[in-house]
Amino acid sequence: MNVNKKIMILEAVTGYPVKQDIYRGGEDKYIVFTYEDERTVLEADNEELAGTVYLQVALFTPESFNYFADKKRIRRALKEQGFNIESVQSWLEGENSEIRHTVFTVNITEAED
C-alpha cells in the first residue's frame, strides 16, 4: 500500500520539505516519513481486500523552535487524511544536539488497489 500522497500533504500544511526515509537538504525544519510495517487485514477468495500500513512521521526542528503549533497542525492533517495517531514523542537528539525530533507513530487501513 502506498500512502505517500496522504503524507506529502504535510508539505502544504507546514511549508517544510517532506521526504520518504531521508532528507539531505539544508533546511533546519523538515519532515521524514518511514514505512514500518504493512499487514493484510481482510482477505476473501485468496485476494487481499484491505491492509493496514504503520508509519513513523518525524518532524525535525531546532531545539529553540516552538514546535507546538506545528505538532497540532500535523496531528490534525494526519487525522483528516484518515490516519490513526498511536503516539507522539519528542526528544533532543544526542547529548549536545540542537535538533528536536518529534515522531508521530501512525497507521491507516485502506482497501487494496
Protein backbone atom coordinates (compact mmCIF):
# COMPACT_ATOMS: atom_id res chain seq x y z
CA MET A 1 0.00 0.00 0.00
CA ASN A 2 1.32 3.42 -0.93
CA VAL A 3 0.07 6.36 1.15
CA ASN A 4 2.80 8.81 0.13
CA LYS A 5 0.32 11.34 -1.30
CA LYS A 6 -1.51 11.44 2.02
CA ILE A 7 1.74 12.19 3.86
CA MET A 8 3.01 14.68 1.29
CA ILE A 9 0.11 16.99 2.17
CA LEU A 10 2.19 17.91 5.23
CA GLU A 11 4.41 19.98 2.94
CA ALA A 12 1.48 22.33 2.23
CA VAL A 13 0.37 22.26 5.87
CA THR A 14 3.77 23.20 7.33
CA GLY A 15 5.74 24.68 4.46
CA TYR A 16 8.61 22.30 5.27
CA PRO A 17 10.19 19.76 2.92
CA VAL A 18 8.69 16.26 3.27
CA LYS A 19 10.74 13.25 2.15
CA GLN A 20 10.50 9.50 2.45
CA ASP A 21 13.20 7.83 4.57
CA ILE A 22 15.92 10.51 4.47
CA TYR A 23 16.28 14.26 3.97
CA ARG A 24 19.54 15.60 2.55
CA GLY A 25 18.59 19.24 2.10
CA GLY A 26 19.72 22.29 4.00
CA GLU A 27 16.51 23.37 5.74
CA ASP A 28 16.53 23.39 9.55
CA LYS A 29 12.87 22.26 9.70
CA TYR A 30 11.76 19.21 7.72
CA ILE A 31 9.65 16.05 7.84
CA VAL A 32 10.72 12.50 7.07
CA PHE A 33 8.36 9.53 6.94
CA THR A 34 9.21 5.84 7.04
CA TYR A 35 7.07 2.76 6.48
CA GLU A 36 7.44 0.44 9.47
CA ASP A 37 5.06 -2.41 8.73
CA GLU A 38 2.29 -3.45 6.38
CA ARG A 39 -0.30 -6.15 7.03
CA THR A 40 -3.29 -7.62 5.27
CA VAL A 41 -6.38 -7.20 7.44
CA LEU A 42 -9.10 -8.51 5.12
CA GLU A 43 -8.95 -11.40 2.68
CA ALA A 44 -11.58 -13.13 0.56
CA ASP A 45 -11.27 -15.72 -2.20
CA ASN A 46 -7.48 -15.69 -1.80
CA GLU A 47 -7.38 -11.96 -2.51
CA GLU A 48 -6.14 -9.18 -0.26
CA LEU A 49 -9.02 -6.73 0.09
CA ALA A 50 -7.68 -4.34 2.76
CA GLY A 51 -4.43 -3.65 4.50
CA THR A 52 -3.02 -1.60 7.32
CA VAL A 53 0.24 0.26 7.00
CA TYR A 54 2.19 1.57 10.00
CA LEU A 55 4.45 4.60 9.62
CA GLN A 56 6.63 6.98 11.55
CA VAL A 57 6.32 10.62 10.58
CA ALA A 58 9.20 12.61 12.03
CA LEU A 59 9.37 16.39 12.37
CA PHE A 60 12.88 17.79 12.82
CA THR A 61 13.25 21.33 14.21
CA PRO A 62 15.88 23.39 16.02
CA GLU A 63 15.90 22.93 19.78
CA SER A 64 14.89 26.55 20.39
CA PHE A 65 11.95 26.48 17.92
CA ASN A 66 8.45 26.46 19.45
CA TYR A 67 7.14 23.37 17.66
CA PHE A 68 3.78 23.02 19.45
CA ALA A 69 1.70 24.77 16.77
CA ASP A 70 3.29 22.61 14.05
CA LYS A 71 2.68 19.49 16.11
CA LYS A 72 -1.00 20.39 16.36
CA ARG A 73 -1.30 21.15 12.61
CA ILE A 74 0.45 17.92 11.66
CA ARG A 75 -1.71 15.87 14.00
CA ARG A 76 -4.90 17.44 12.58
CA ALA A 77 -3.78 16.97 8.96
CA LEU A 78 -2.89 13.32 9.52
CA LYS A 79 -6.29 12.66 11.09
CA GLU A 80 -8.03 14.43 8.18
CA GLN A 81 -6.19 12.09 5.79
CA GLY A 82 -7.56 9.07 7.69
CA PHE A 83 -4.55 8.19 9.82
CA ASN A 84 -4.88 6.94 13.38
CA ILE A 85 -2.38 8.56 15.72
CA GLU A 86 -0.89 5.93 18.03
CA SER A 87 1.58 8.19 19.81
CA VAL A 88 3.59 11.40 19.58
CA GLN A 89 7.03 11.60 21.18
CA SER A 90 9.64 14.38 21.22
CA TRP A 91 13.27 14.43 22.30
CA LEU A 92 16.55 16.14 21.60
CA GLU A 93 18.96 14.08 19.53
CA GLY A 94 22.28 13.39 21.19
CA GLU A 95 23.71 14.87 24.34
CA ASN A 96 24.86 18.14 22.76
CA SER A 97 22.39 18.25 19.88
CA GLU A 98 20.38 21.25 18.89
CA ILE A 99 17.86 19.19 16.91
CA ARG A 100 14.44 18.31 18.27
CA HIS A 101 12.99 15.08 16.88
CA THR A 102 9.20 14.71 17.13
CA VAL A 103 7.77 11.39 15.97
CA PHE A 104 4.15 10.66 15.13
CA THR A 105 3.54 6.91 15.10
CA VAL A 106 0.53 6.39 12.84
CA ASN A 107 -1.40 3.76 10.95
CA ILE A 108 -4.06 3.67 8.27
CA THR A 109 -6.28 0.91 6.93
CA GLU A 110 -7.45 1.04 3.33
CA ALA A 111 -8.80 -1.16 0.58
CA GLU A 112 -6.10 -2.68 -1.62
CA ASP A 113 -5.71 -1.22 -5.10
